Amino acid sequence: MGFLKYFTLVLTLFALNSCENNDRGNTPDVSNIDVTVHVDRFEQDLFGMDTLRLTEEMDRMNVKYPELFPLFTETIIHDQTNPKETPEMALSGFLRSPRIRQLKDTVQQVYGNIAPLEKELNQLFRYYKYYFPEKPTPRVATIISEFGVDAFTCGDQLCGIGLDMFLGENYPGYSPDIFPAYLRRQFNDKYISVRLAKALVQNTFGETPPGKSLLDMMLYNGKMLYMVKKLLPGTPDSMIMGYTNEQMEGCVANEQAVWARILDQKLLYSTDFGEFRKLVTPSPNAPVVFQEAPGEVGNWIGWQIVKSWVKRNQGASMKELISQTDSQKFLETARYKPQQLN
C-alpha cells in the first residue's frame, strides 16, 4: 500500500481544515499583552568594527552584546579543529574573508528592512508570554555565521537568528551536498519565525527526551510541535513540520496506516535509534514505515497523540503538559485513536 493515497479533493481539504480550525478555535486573545521586540542587527555592528583597532572594538562589542559576542567568537565562528585559535584570531579571519563579506552584502540586500519580521516576532512573543508569563522576553539579534546556525537561544535572555540561512532555497551558496532539497525549501523568510519558535520551545523543554525509546522521542518532539503551533497559531501545520502540502496531506490521509505500521514492526518501544532514526529526525523519507513517508512522520504522530492528551485533560497548563515525562502513562491517558478517512 502506497503512502500517498488518492482521495477526493473535498475529503482531503476537509481533513486538513478540520485540524487547523480546531487549533484556531482555542487561540487566546493576546492583544492586551505588552511586548515590544526590537531586533538588534549584530552583523551590522560586527562588520562596522574597525579591524585596525580590533581589541578596543571587541571590548565595545562585549559591552553591547554581553551574551552574544562571547558566544559568537568563542563558539559559533571558532575553528573547532584549531584549539589554539583565540577569539580575536577567529574574528579577524571572519571579518577579513572576502567570501564572508560577500555573504554580508547579500544578507543586507535581502534583509535591509526587517520591520515585517519584528512585527511577526512581537506577536510570537505575546503568545510566549501568555503561555509562560514567568519567562522574560529575550533580546533578539540577527547574525551571519556562514551557514552555521539558523536560530538559537542562550538561556532565557537571548535569541539569535542566522539570516544567512534564510536567503531562499535557490541561493547558490547552499551546497546540495550539505543542504539537500528537503532542507533548502525551508531556507526562506517565511520560516524564520518557525525556526525561532522551535529554538524557544526547545530551550523551555530541555535538550533531551526523558528516555531513549521511539515513544519517548515521539512524545518529546510532539509536545514541542504542539507548543510551536501555540506560538504560531496562524502558521500551517505543513510549515511547522517543514513538509510540502502533498506530504502533509499524505500524513493526514494515512495516519492510521503509519501508526499501525509502527506497532506491527514493534518500533514503538524500540531503543535502537538507528532503526527508527528517520521517524524522528530530518530526513527525505522514512521507509521504515512507508517508502514515500516523509522524514519525522513519527514526530507528527507524536503531535497527534499530544493533541489527544490535551483534549482529554481540558484545563491542563503548558507546565503540566511539559511535566508529563512517563511516556507510557501519557500514551494511556491520551487514548489516542488515529483518524481513518476511508
C-alpha atoms as a PDB file:
ATOM      1  CA  MET A   1       0.000   0.000   0.000  1.00  0.00           C
ATOM      2  CA  GLY A   2       1.500   3.365  -1.042  1.00  0.00           C
ATOM      3  CA  PHE A   3       1.736   6.224   1.422  1.00  0.00           C
ATOM      4  CA  LEU A   4       0.014   8.823  -0.720  1.00  0.00           C
ATOM      5  CA  LYS A   5      -3.478   7.526  -1.286  1.00  0.00           C
ATOM      6  CA  TYR A   6      -5.953   9.129  -3.658  1.00  0.00           C
ATOM      7  CA  PHE A   7      -8.869  10.869  -2.025  1.00  0.00           C
ATOM      8  CA  THR A   8     -11.357  13.335  -3.377  1.00  0.00           C
ATOM      9  CA  LEU A   9     -10.198  16.919  -3.063  1.00  0.00           C
ATOM     10  CA  VAL A  10     -13.117  17.740  -0.803  1.00  0.00           C
ATOM     11  CA  LEU A  11     -12.293  14.957   1.664  1.00  0.00           C
ATOM     12  CA  THR A  12      -8.620  15.870   1.878  1.00  0.00           C
ATOM     13  CA  LEU A  13      -9.299  19.569   2.339  1.00  0.00           C
ATOM     14  CA  PHE A  14     -11.943  18.782   4.950  1.00  0.00           C
ATOM     15  CA  ALA A  15      -9.459  16.740   6.974  1.00  0.00           C
ATOM     16  CA  LEU A  16      -6.791  19.421   6.833  1.00  0.00           C
ATOM     17  CA  ASN A  17      -9.153  22.287   7.560  1.00  0.00           C
ATOM     18  CA  SER A  18     -10.728  20.426  10.474  1.00  0.00           C
ATOM     19  CA  CYS A  19      -7.308  20.049  12.091  1.00  0.00           C
ATOM     20  CA  GLU A  20      -6.471  23.723  11.558  1.00  0.00           C
ATOM     21  CA  ASN A  21      -9.825  25.022  12.751  1.00  0.00           C
ATOM     22  CA  ASN A  22      -9.698  23.024  15.976  1.00  0.00           C
ATOM     23  CA  ASP A  23      -6.432  24.710  16.894  1.00  0.00           C
ATOM     24  CA  ARG A  24      -7.608  28.163  15.897  1.00  0.00           C
ATOM     25  CA  GLY A  25     -10.764  27.831  17.945  1.00  0.00           C
ATOM     26  CA  ASN A  26      -8.620  27.642  21.078  1.00  0.00           C
ATOM     27  CA  THR A  27      -6.389  30.583  20.200  1.00  0.00           C
ATOM     28  CA  PRO A  28      -6.261  33.078  23.071  1.00  0.00           C
ATOM     29  CA  ASP A  29      -6.586  36.833  22.646  1.00  0.00           C
ATOM     30  CA  VAL A  30      -3.123  38.249  23.361  1.00  0.00           C
ATOM     31  CA  SER A  31      -3.710  41.765  22.076  1.00  0.00           C
ATOM     32  CA  ASN A  32      -3.534  43.194  25.603  1.00  0.00           C
ATOM     33  CA  ILE A  33      -0.149  41.612  26.402  1.00  0.00           C
ATOM     34  CA  ASP A  34       2.510  44.310  26.343  1.00  0.00           C
ATOM     35  CA  VAL A  35       5.526  43.015  24.450  1.00  0.00           C
ATOM     36  CA  THR A  36       7.970  45.067  22.419  1.00  0.00           C
ATOM     37  CA  VAL A  37      10.637  43.220  20.449  1.00  0.00           C
ATOM     38  CA  HIS A  38      13.374  45.206  18.757  1.00  0.00           C
ATOM     39  CA  VAL A  39      15.736  43.103  16.676  1.00  0.00           C
ATOM     40  CA  ASP A  40      19.385  44.100  17.086  1.00  0.00           C
ATOM     41  CA  ARG A  41      21.448  43.905  13.898  1.00  0.00           C
ATOM     42  CA  PHE A  42      24.517  42.268  15.408  1.00  0.00           C
ATOM     43  CA  GLU A  43      26.004  41.516  11.988  1.00  0.00           C
ATOM     44  CA  GLN A  44      25.861  45.186  11.017  1.00  0.00           C
ATOM     45  CA  ASP A  45      27.656  46.211  14.204  1.00  0.00           C
ATOM     46  CA  LEU A  46      30.144  43.404  13.668  1.00  0.00           C
ATOM     47  CA  PHE A  47      31.112  44.489  10.163  1.00  0.00           C
ATOM     48  CA  GLY A  48      31.197  48.109  11.306  1.00  0.00           C
ATOM     49  CA  MET A  49      34.158  47.315  13.557  1.00  0.00           C
ATOM     50  CA  ASP A  50      37.498  48.956  12.876  1.00  0.00           C
ATOM     51  CA  THR A  51      39.788  45.987  12.295  1.00  0.00           C
ATOM     52  CA  LEU A  52      42.841  48.185  12.901  1.00  0.00           C
ATOM     53  CA  ARG A  53      41.650  48.658  16.487  1.00  0.00           C
ATOM     54  CA  LEU A  54      40.250  45.181  16.957  1.00  0.00           C
ATOM     55  CA  THR A  55      40.999  44.745  20.672  1.00  0.00           C
ATOM     56  CA  GLU A  56      39.258  48.007  21.596  1.00  0.00           C
ATOM     57  CA  GLU A  57      36.361  47.199  19.276  1.00  0.00           C
ATOM     58  CA  MET A  58      35.945  43.772  20.840  1.00  0.00           C
ATOM     59  CA  ASP A  59      35.702  45.395  24.274  1.00  0.00           C
ATOM     60  CA  ARG A  60      32.976  47.658  22.942  1.00  0.00           C
ATOM     61  CA  MET A  61      31.050  44.753  21.442  1.00  0.00           C
ATOM     62  CA  ASN A  62      31.339  42.807  24.690  1.00  0.00           C
ATOM     63  CA  VAL A  63      29.630  45.688  26.458  1.00  0.00           C
ATOM     64  CA  LYS A  64      26.848  45.987  23.886  1.00  0.00           C
ATOM     65  CA  TYR A  65      26.326  42.231  23.448  1.00  0.00           C
ATOM     66  CA  PRO A  66      27.468  40.611  26.726  1.00  0.00           C
ATOM     67  CA  GLU A  67      25.876  37.224  25.958  1.00  0.00           C
ATOM     68  CA  LEU A  68      26.063  37.086  22.183  1.00  0.00           C
ATOM     69  CA  PHE A  69      29.549  38.395  21.425  1.00  0.00           C
ATOM     70  CA  PRO A  70      31.440  35.791  23.513  1.00  0.00           C
ATOM     71  CA  LEU A  71      29.163  33.046  22.178  1.00  0.00           C
ATOM     72  CA  PHE A  72      29.805  34.186  18.615  1.00  0.00           C
ATOM     73  CA  THR A  73      33.593  34.488  18.839  1.00  0.00           C
ATOM     74  CA  GLU A  74      34.261  31.527  21.113  1.00  0.00           C
ATOM     75  CA  THR A  75      31.783  29.016  19.697  1.00  0.00           C
ATOM     76  CA  ILE A  76      29.864  29.939  16.544  1.00  0.00           C
ATOM     77  CA  ILE A  77      32.810  31.024  14.365  1.00  0.00           C
ATOM     78  CA  HIS A  78      35.556  29.267  16.316  1.00  0.00           C
ATOM     79  CA  ASP A  79      37.529  26.696  14.322  1.00  0.00           C
ATOM     80  CA  GLN A  80      36.890  23.553  16.360  1.00  0.00           C
ATOM     81  CA  THR A  81      39.864  21.857  14.686  1.00  0.00           C
ATOM     82  CA  ASN A  82      42.257  24.522  15.996  1.00  0.00           C
ATOM     83  CA  PRO A  83      42.223  24.637  19.814  1.00  0.00           C
ATOM     84  CA  LYS A  84      44.895  27.358  19.768  1.00  0.00           C
ATOM     85  CA  GLU A  85      42.655  29.820  17.890  1.00  0.00           C
ATOM     86  CA  THR A  86      41.779  32.773  20.102  1.00  0.00           C
ATOM     87  CA  PRO A  87      38.501  34.738  19.798  1.00  0.00           C
ATOM     88  CA  GLU A  88      40.482  37.625  18.298  1.00  0.00           C
ATOM     89  CA  MET A  89      42.039  35.340  15.669  1.00  0.00           C
ATOM     90  CA  ALA A  90      38.631  33.845  14.801  1.00  0.00           C
ATOM     91  CA  LEU A  91      37.041  37.268  14.479  1.00  0.00           C
ATOM     92  CA  SER A  92      39.871  38.752  12.453  1.00  0.00           C
ATOM     93  CA  GLY A  93      39.730  35.921   9.928  1.00  0.00           C
ATOM     94  CA  PHE A  94      35.947  36.124   9.750  1.00  0.00           C
ATOM     95  CA  LEU A  95      35.840  39.870   9.126  1.00  0.00           C
ATOM     96  CA  ARG A  96      38.606  39.841   6.514  1.00  0.00           C
ATOM     97  CA  SER A  97      37.231  36.938   4.475  1.00  0.00           C
ATOM     98  CA  PRO A  98      36.047  38.128   1.015  1.00  0.00           C
ATOM     99  CA  ARG A  99      33.560  35.233   0.972  1.00  0.00           C
ATOM    100  CA  ILE A 100      32.034  36.331   4.283  1.00  0.00           C
ATOM    101  CA  ARG A 101      31.886  39.966   3.184  1.00  0.00           C
ATOM    102  CA  GLN A 102      30.042  38.970   0.014  1.00  0.00           C
ATOM    103  CA  LEU A 103      27.609  36.970   2.133  1.00  0.00           C
ATOM    104  CA  LYS A 104      27.119  40.015   4.366  1.00  0.00           C
ATOM    105  CA  ASP A 105      26.268  42.149   1.332  1.00  0.00           C
ATOM    106  CA  THR A 106      23.718  39.581   0.151  1.00  0.00           C
ATOM    107  CA  VAL A 107      22.082  39.449   3.575  1.00  0.00           C
ATOM    108  CA  GLN A 108      21.862  43.239   3.623  1.00  0.00           C
ATOM    109  CA  GLN A 109      20.215  43.244   0.193  1.00  0.00           C
ATOM    110  CA  VAL A 110      17.617  40.689   1.242  1.00  0.00           C
ATOM    111  CA  TYR A 111      17.064  41.883   4.816  1.00  0.00           C
ATOM    112  CA  GLY A 112      17.782  45.595   4.673  1.00  0.00           C
ATOM    113  CA  ASN A 113      14.337  46.175   6.181  1.00  0.00           C
ATOM    114  CA  ILE A 114      13.316  43.800   8.966  1.00  0.00           C
ATOM    115  CA  ALA A 115      10.232  45.692  10.148  1.00  0.00           C
ATOM    116  CA  PRO A 116       7.910  42.882   8.902  1.00  0.00           C
ATOM    117  CA  LEU A 117       9.990  40.343  10.842  1.00  0.00           C
ATOM    118  CA  GLU A 118       9.820  42.455  14.003  1.00  0.00           C
ATOM    119  CA  LYS A 119       6.042  42.579  13.662  1.00  0.00           C
ATOM    120  CA  GLU A 120       5.886  38.764  13.390  1.00  0.00           C
ATOM    121  CA  LEU A 121       8.153  38.306  16.378  1.00  0.00           C
ATOM    122  CA  ASN A 122       6.160  40.699  18.549  1.00  0.00           C
ATOM    123  CA  GLN A 123       3.095  38.521  18.019  1.00  0.00           C
ATOM    124  CA  LEU A 124       5.076  35.337  18.634  1.00  0.00           C
ATOM    125  CA  PHE A 125       6.369  36.682  21.945  1.00  0.00           C
ATOM    126  CA  ARG A 126       2.894  37.768  23.023  1.00  0.00           C
ATOM    127  CA  TYR A 127       1.850  34.119  22.824  1.00  0.00           C
ATOM    128  CA  TYR A 128       5.096  33.107  24.521  1.00  0.00           C
ATOM    129  CA  LYS A 129       4.317  35.491  27.383  1.00  0.00           C
ATOM    130  CA  TYR A 130       0.756  34.168  27.576  1.00  0.00           C
ATOM    131  CA  TYR A 131       1.846  30.555  27.999  1.00  0.00           C
ATOM    132  CA  PHE A 132       4.983  31.284  30.029  1.00  0.00           C
ATOM    133  CA  PRO A 133       4.294  34.501  31.955  1.00  0.00           C
ATOM    134  CA  GLU A 134       7.214  33.881  34.294  1.00  0.00           C
ATOM    135  CA  LYS A 135       9.704  33.926  31.415  1.00  0.00           C
ATOM    136  CA  PRO A 136      11.433  37.190  30.433  1.00  0.00           C
ATOM    137  CA  THR A 137      11.106  38.468  26.889  1.00  0.00           C
ATOM    138  CA  PRO A 138      14.546  37.690  25.471  1.00  0.00           C
ATOM    139  CA  ARG A 139      16.708  40.008  23.483  1.00  0.00           C
ATOM    140  CA  VAL A 140      16.677  39.137  19.772  1.00  0.00           C
ATOM    141  CA  ALA A 141      19.617  39.684  17.437  1.00  0.00           C
ATOM    142  CA  THR A 142      20.442  38.737  13.863  1.00  0.00           C
ATOM    143  CA  ILE A 143      23.814  37.297  12.882  1.00  0.00           C
ATOM    144  CA  ILE A 144      25.755  35.851   9.964  1.00  0.00           C
ATOM    145  CA  SER A 145      27.532  32.580  10.685  1.00  0.00           C
ATOM    146  CA  GLU A 146      28.397  31.314   7.192  1.00  0.00           C
ATOM    147  CA  PHE A 147      25.600  28.743   7.349  1.00  0.00           C
ATOM    148  CA  GLY A 148      26.459  27.565  10.851  1.00  0.00           C
ATOM    149  CA  VAL A 149      23.162  28.212  12.647  1.00  0.00           C
ATOM    150  CA  ASP A 150      19.622  29.234  11.721  1.00  0.00           C
ATOM    151  CA  ALA A 151      18.057  30.086  15.091  1.00  0.00           C
ATOM    152  CA  PHE A 152      19.225  29.582  18.660  1.00  0.00           C
ATOM    153  CA  THR A 153      18.785  30.641  22.255  1.00  0.00           C
ATOM    154  CA  CYS A 154      21.267  31.398  25.003  1.00  0.00           C
ATOM    155  CA  GLY A 155      19.353  30.717  28.198  1.00  0.00           C
ATOM    156  CA  ASP A 156      16.192  32.792  28.647  1.00  0.00           C
ATOM    157  CA  GLN A 157      17.901  36.095  27.866  1.00  0.00           C
ATOM    158  CA  LEU A 158      18.880  35.847  24.200  1.00  0.00           C
ATOM    159  CA  CYS A 159      17.572  34.611  20.861  1.00  0.00           C
ATOM    160  CA  GLY A 160      19.625  34.668  17.685  1.00  0.00           C
ATOM    161  CA  ILE A 161      18.647  34.416  14.033  1.00  0.00           C
ATOM    162  CA  GLY A 162      21.190  33.456  11.369  1.00  0.00           C
ATOM    163  CA  LEU A 163      19.885  35.460   8.418  1.00  0.00           C
ATOM    164  CA  ASP A 164      22.299  33.763   6.018  1.00  0.00           C
ATOM    165  CA  MET A 165      20.238  30.588   6.474  1.00  0.00           C
ATOM    166  CA  PHE A 166      17.141  32.257   5.013  1.00  0.00           C
ATOM    167  CA  LEU A 167      18.259  33.577   1.612  1.00  0.00           C
ATOM    168  CA  GLY A 168      15.921  31.401  -0.480  1.00  0.00           C
ATOM    169  CA  GLU A 169      16.222  27.750  -1.428  1.00  0.00           C
ATOM    170  CA  ASN A 170      17.941  28.574  -4.740  1.00  0.00           C
ATOM    171  CA  TYR A 171      20.691  30.705  -3.217  1.00  0.00           C
ATOM    172  CA  PRO A 172      23.911  29.400  -4.848  1.00  0.00           C
ATOM    173  CA  GLY A 173      25.820  29.317  -1.570  1.00  0.00           C
ATOM    174  CA  TYR A 174      23.724  26.396  -0.292  1.00  0.00           C
ATOM    175  CA  SER A 175      25.614  23.334  -1.483  1.00  0.00           C
ATOM    176  CA  PRO A 176      23.207  20.474  -2.310  1.00  0.00           C
ATOM    177  CA  ASP A 177      25.773  18.074  -0.861  1.00  0.00           C
ATOM    178  CA  ILE A 178      25.379  19.724   2.548  1.00  0.00           C
ATOM    179  CA  PHE A 179      21.820  21.043   2.296  1.00  0.00           C
ATOM    180  CA  PRO A 180      19.571  18.672   0.312  1.00  0.00           C
ATOM    181  CA  ALA A 181      16.319  19.893  -1.223  1.00  0.00           C
ATOM    182  CA  TYR A 182      14.086  18.839   1.695  1.00  0.00           C
ATOM    183  CA  LEU A 183      16.077  21.194   3.934  1.00  0.00           C
ATOM    184  CA  ARG A 184      16.612  24.026   1.433  1.00  0.00           C
ATOM    185  CA  ARG A 185      12.898  24.539   0.875  1.00  0.00           C
ATOM    186  CA  GLN A 186      12.792  25.913   4.434  1.00  0.00           C
ATOM    187  CA  PHE A 187      15.595  28.418   3.807  1.00  0.00           C
ATOM    188  CA  ASN A 188      13.401  31.450   3.225  1.00  0.00           C
ATOM    189  CA  ASP A 189      11.945  34.322   5.238  1.00  0.00           C
ATOM    190  CA  LYS A 190       8.625  32.530   5.897  1.00  0.00           C
ATOM    191  CA  TYR A 191      10.446  30.020   8.094  1.00  0.00           C
ATOM    192  CA  ILE A 192      12.325  32.453  10.328  1.00  0.00           C
ATOM    193  CA  SER A 193       9.569  32.591  12.945  1.00  0.00           C
ATOM    194  CA  VAL A 194       9.103  28.809  12.777  1.00  0.00           C
ATOM    195  CA  ARG A 195      12.770  28.111  13.383  1.00  0.00           C
ATOM    196  CA  LEU A 196      12.966  30.661  16.186  1.00  0.00           C
ATOM    197  CA  ALA A 197       9.819  29.269  17.830  1.00  0.00           C
ATOM    198  CA  LYS A 198      11.357  25.782  17.762  1.00  0.00           C
ATOM    199  CA  ALA A 199      14.533  27.094  19.398  1.00  0.00           C
ATOM    200  CA  LEU A 200      12.474  28.870  22.079  1.00  0.00           C
ATOM    201  CA  VAL A 201      10.422  25.777  22.799  1.00  0.00           C
ATOM    202  CA  GLN A 202      13.453  23.506  22.983  1.00  0.00           C
ATOM    203  CA  ASN A 203      15.025  25.881  25.488  1.00  0.00           C
ATOM    204  CA  THR A 204      11.836  25.649  27.551  1.00  0.00           C
ATOM    205  CA  PHE A 205      11.551  21.854  27.331  1.00  0.00           C
ATOM    206  CA  GLY A 206      15.200  20.957  27.805  1.00  0.00           C
ATOM    207  CA  GLU A 207      17.664  19.383  25.422  1.00  0.00           C
ATOM    208  CA  THR A 208      16.820  15.690  25.594  1.00  0.00           C
ATOM    209  CA  PRO A 209      13.774  13.386  25.822  1.00  0.00           C
ATOM    210  CA  PRO A 210      13.102  11.582  29.123  1.00  0.00           C
ATOM    211  CA  GLY A 211      14.024   8.196  27.641  1.00  0.00           C
ATOM    212  CA  LYS A 212      15.574   6.528  24.590  1.00  0.00           C
ATOM    213  CA  SER A 213      12.622   4.677  23.072  1.00  0.00           C
ATOM    214  CA  LEU A 214      10.844   5.758  19.915  1.00  0.00           C
ATOM    215  CA  LEU A 215       7.773   6.574  22.026  1.00  0.00           C
ATOM    216  CA  ASP A 216       9.856   8.830  24.288  1.00  0.00           C
ATOM    217  CA  MET A 217      11.193  10.749  21.307  1.00  0.00           C
ATOM    218  CA  MET A 218       7.851  10.939  19.504  1.00  0.00           C
ATOM    219  CA  LEU A 219       6.147  12.443  22.550  1.00  0.00           C
ATOM    220  CA  TYR A 220       9.018  14.806  23.355  1.00  0.00           C
ATOM    221  CA  ASN A 221       9.055  16.127  19.793  1.00  0.00           C
ATOM    222  CA  GLY A 222       5.263  16.026  19.584  1.00  0.00           C
ATOM    223  CA  LYS A 223       4.994  18.278  22.639  1.00  0.00           C
ATOM    224  CA  MET A 224       7.418  20.718  21.070  1.00  0.00           C
ATOM    225  CA  LEU A 225       5.433  20.786  17.824  1.00  0.00           C
ATOM    226  CA  TYR A 226       2.247  21.346  19.812  1.00  0.00           C
ATOM    227  CA  MET A 227       3.839  24.298  21.594  1.00  0.00           C
ATOM    228  CA  VAL A 228       5.258  25.766  18.377  1.00  0.00           C
ATOM    229  CA  LYS A 229       1.755  25.710  16.940  1.00  0.00           C
ATOM    230  CA  LYS A 230       0.510  27.538  20.043  1.00  0.00           C
ATOM    231  CA  LEU A 231       3.140  30.235  19.500  1.00  0.00           C
ATOM    232  CA  LEU A 232       2.328  30.459  15.778  1.00  0.00           C
ATOM    233  CA  PRO A 233      -1.386  29.608  15.547  1.00  0.00           C
ATOM    234  CA  GLY A 234      -1.780  31.067  12.063  1.00  0.00           C
ATOM    235  CA  THR A 235       1.084  29.063  10.592  1.00  0.00           C
ATOM    236  CA  PRO A 236       0.087  25.982   8.543  1.00  0.00           C
ATOM    237  CA  ASP A 237       0.975  22.599  10.030  1.00  0.00           C
ATOM    238  CA  SER A 238       2.929  21.838   6.863  1.00  0.00           C
ATOM    239  CA  MET A 239       5.347  24.693   7.596  1.00  0.00           C
ATOM    240  CA  ILE A 240       5.732  23.704  11.228  1.00  0.00           C
ATOM    241  CA  MET A 241       6.699  20.222  10.052  1.00  0.00           C
ATOM    242  CA  GLY A 242       8.784  21.506   7.141  1.00  0.00           C
ATOM    243  CA  TYR A 243       6.638  19.492   4.716  1.00  0.00           C
ATOM    244  CA  THR A 244       5.213  20.188   1.296  1.00  0.00           C
ATOM    245  CA  ASN A 245       1.420  20.408   1.077  1.00  0.00           C
ATOM    246  CA  GLU A 246       1.387  16.994  -0.593  1.00  0.00           C
ATOM    247  CA  GLN A 247       3.388  15.431   2.233  1.00  0.00           C
ATOM    248  CA  MET A 248       1.086  16.987   4.814  1.00  0.00           C
ATOM    249  CA  GLU A 249      -1.981  15.641   3.030  1.00  0.00           C
ATOM    250  CA  GLY A 250      -0.330  12.227   2.895  1.00  0.00           C
ATOM    251  CA  CYS A 251       0.213  12.247   6.665  1.00  0.00           C
ATOM    252  CA  VAL A 252      -3.417  13.107   7.347  1.00  0.00           C
ATOM    253  CA  ALA A 253      -4.716  10.556   4.839  1.00  0.00           C
ATOM    254  CA  ASN A 254      -2.514   7.763   6.166  1.00  0.00           C
ATOM    255  CA  GLU A 255      -2.352   8.475   9.884  1.00  0.00           C
ATOM    256  CA  GLN A 256      -3.921   5.158  10.831  1.00  0.00           C
ATOM    257  CA  ALA A 257      -1.692   3.200   8.434  1.00  0.00           C
ATOM    258  CA  VAL A 258       1.503   4.802   9.771  1.00  0.00           C
ATOM    259  CA  TRP A 259       0.503   4.133  13.381  1.00  0.00           C
ATOM    260  CA  ALA A 260      -0.360   0.531  12.522  1.00  0.00           C
ATOM    261  CA  ARG A 261       2.998   0.025  10.799  1.00  0.00           C
ATOM    262  CA  ILE A 262       4.883   1.403  13.837  1.00  0.00           C
ATOM    263  CA  LEU A 263       3.020  -1.059  16.062  1.00  0.00           C
ATOM    264  CA  ASP A 264       3.275  -4.019  13.683  1.00  0.00           C
ATOM    265  CA  GLN A 265       7.028  -3.623  13.333  1.00  0.00           C
ATOM    266  CA  LYS A 266       7.393  -3.317  17.121  1.00  0.00           C
ATOM    267  CA  LEU A 267       9.112   0.035  16.808  1.00  0.00           C
ATOM    268  CA  LEU A 268       7.209   1.947  19.473  1.00  0.00           C
ATOM    269  CA  TYR A 269       9.291   0.718  22.408  1.00  0.00           C
ATOM    270  CA  SER A 270      12.492   0.123  20.471  1.00  0.00           C
ATOM    271  CA  THR A 271      15.617   1.854  21.773  1.00  0.00           C
ATOM    272  CA  ASP A 272      17.596   1.113  18.610  1.00  0.00           C
ATOM    273  CA  PHE A 273      17.971   4.672  17.340  1.00  0.00           C
ATOM    274  CA  GLY A 274      19.440   3.530  14.049  1.00  0.00           C
ATOM    275  CA  GLU A 275      16.283   1.520  13.403  1.00  0.00           C
ATOM    276  CA  PHE A 276      13.854   4.425  13.758  1.00  0.00           C
ATOM    277  CA  ARG A 277      16.096   7.484  13.285  1.00  0.00           C
ATOM    278  CA  LYS A 278      14.319   8.776  10.184  1.00  0.00           C
ATOM    279  CA  LEU A 279      10.984   8.775  12.002  1.00  0.00           C
ATOM    280  CA  VAL A 280      12.167  11.470  14.412  1.00  0.00           C
ATOM    281  CA  THR A 281      14.967  13.403  12.667  1.00  0.00           C
ATOM    282  CA  PRO A 282      15.035  15.451   9.433  1.00  0.00           C
ATOM    283  CA  SER A 283      15.226  13.022   6.518  1.00  0.00           C
ATOM    284  CA  PRO A 284      13.928  12.923   2.945  1.00  0.00           C
ATOM    285  CA  ASN A 285      11.738   9.924   3.797  1.00  0.00           C
ATOM    286  CA  ALA A 286      11.012   7.304   6.439  1.00  0.00           C
ATOM    287  CA  PRO A 287      10.990   3.965   4.592  1.00  0.00           C
ATOM    288  CA  VAL A 288      10.781   2.006   7.839  1.00  0.00           C
ATOM    289  CA  VAL A 289       7.023   2.679   7.680  1.00  0.00           C
ATOM    290  CA  PHE A 290       6.441   3.511   4.002  1.00  0.00           C
ATOM    291  CA  GLN A 291       8.892   4.369   1.234  1.00  0.00           C
ATOM    292  CA  GLU A 292       7.029   7.595   0.447  1.00  0.00           C
ATOM    293  CA  ALA A 293       6.504   8.675   4.060  1.00  0.00           C
ATOM    294  CA  PRO A 294       8.302  11.944   4.873  1.00  0.00           C
ATOM    295  CA  GLY A 295      11.033  12.072   7.478  1.00  0.00           C
ATOM    296  CA  GLU A 296       9.885  12.965  11.011  1.00  0.00           C
ATOM    297  CA  VAL A 297       6.484  11.385  10.414  1.00  0.00           C
ATOM    298  CA  GLY A 298       6.911   9.803  13.863  1.00  0.00           C
ATOM    299  CA  ASN A 299       7.092  13.301  15.349  1.00  0.00           C
ATOM    300  CA  TRP A 300       3.874  14.198  13.563  1.00  0.00           C
ATOM    301  CA  ILE A 301       2.176  11.132  15.074  1.00  0.00           C
ATOM    302  CA  GLY A 302       3.566  12.230  18.441  1.00  0.00           C
ATOM    303  CA  TRP A 303       1.932  15.623  17.893  1.00  0.00           C
ATOM    304  CA  GLN A 304      -1.417  13.943  17.275  1.00  0.00           C
ATOM    305  CA  ILE A 305      -1.025  11.916  20.488  1.00  0.00           C
ATOM    306  CA  VAL A 306      -0.294  15.119  22.409  1.00  0.00           C
ATOM    307  CA  LYS A 307      -3.402  16.771  20.989  1.00  0.00           C
ATOM    308  CA  SER A 308      -5.424  13.751  22.089  1.00  0.00           C
ATOM    309  CA  TRP A 309      -3.971  14.044  25.608  1.00  0.00           C
ATOM    310  CA  VAL A 310      -4.795  17.748  25.781  1.00  0.00           C
ATOM    311  CA  LYS A 311      -8.342  17.074  24.613  1.00  0.00           C
ATOM    312  CA  ARG A 312      -8.815  14.586  27.460  1.00  0.00           C
ATOM    313  CA  ASN A 313      -7.160  16.872  30.013  1.00  0.00           C
ATOM    314  CA  GLN A 314      -9.006  20.116  29.456  1.00  0.00           C
ATOM    315  CA  GLY A 315      -7.607  22.935  31.533  1.00  0.00           C
ATOM    316  CA  ALA A 316      -4.132  21.442  31.861  1.00  0.00           C
ATOM    317  CA  SER A 317      -1.497  24.163  31.710  1.00  0.00           C
ATOM    318  CA  MET A 318       1.529  24.108  29.455  1.00  0.00           C
ATOM    319  CA  LYS A 319       3.680  23.428  32.523  1.00  0.00           C
ATOM    320  CA  GLU A 320       1.558  20.373  33.320  1.00  0.00           C
ATOM    321  CA  LEU A 321       1.928  19.100  29.780  1.00  0.00           C
ATOM    322  CA  ILE A 322       5.695  19.510  29.888  1.00  0.00           C
ATOM    323  CA  SER A 323       5.912  17.810  33.283  1.00  0.00           C
ATOM    324  CA  GLN A 324       4.396  14.559  31.945  1.00  0.00           C
ATOM    325  CA  THR A 325       7.571  12.508  31.492  1.00  0.00           C
ATOM    326  CA  ASP A 326       6.164   8.979  31.858  1.00  0.00           C
ATOM    327  CA  SER A 327       5.663   8.192  28.183  1.00  0.00           C
ATOM    328  CA  GLN A 328       3.645   5.014  28.681  1.00  0.00           C
ATOM    329  CA  LYS A 329       1.279   6.681  31.144  1.00  0.00           C
ATOM    330  CA  PHE A 330       0.943   9.652  28.805  1.00  0.00           C
ATOM    331  CA  LEU A 331       0.008   7.368  25.900  1.00  0.00           C
ATOM    332  CA  GLU A 332      -2.539   5.513  28.001  1.00  0.00           C
ATOM    333  CA  THR A 333      -4.091   8.746  29.268  1.00  0.00           C
ATOM    334  CA  ALA A 334      -4.242  10.187  25.752  1.00  0.00           C
ATOM    335  CA  ARG A 335      -6.239   7.175  24.483  1.00  0.00           C
ATOM    336  CA  TYR A 336      -5.019   8.072  21.035  1.00  0.00           C
ATOM    337  CA  LYS A 337      -7.048   6.781  18.110  1.00  0.00           C
ATOM    338  CA  PRO A 338      -5.730   7.778  14.675  1.00  0.00           C
ATOM    339  CA  GLN A 339      -8.358   9.084  12.345  1.00  0.00           C
ATOM    340  CA  GLN A 340      -9.380   6.916   9.422  1.00  0.00           C
ATOM    341  CA  LEU A 341     -10.552   8.742   6.324  1.00  0.00           C
ATOM    342  CA  ASN A 342     -11.577   5.842   4.098  1.00  0.00           C
END
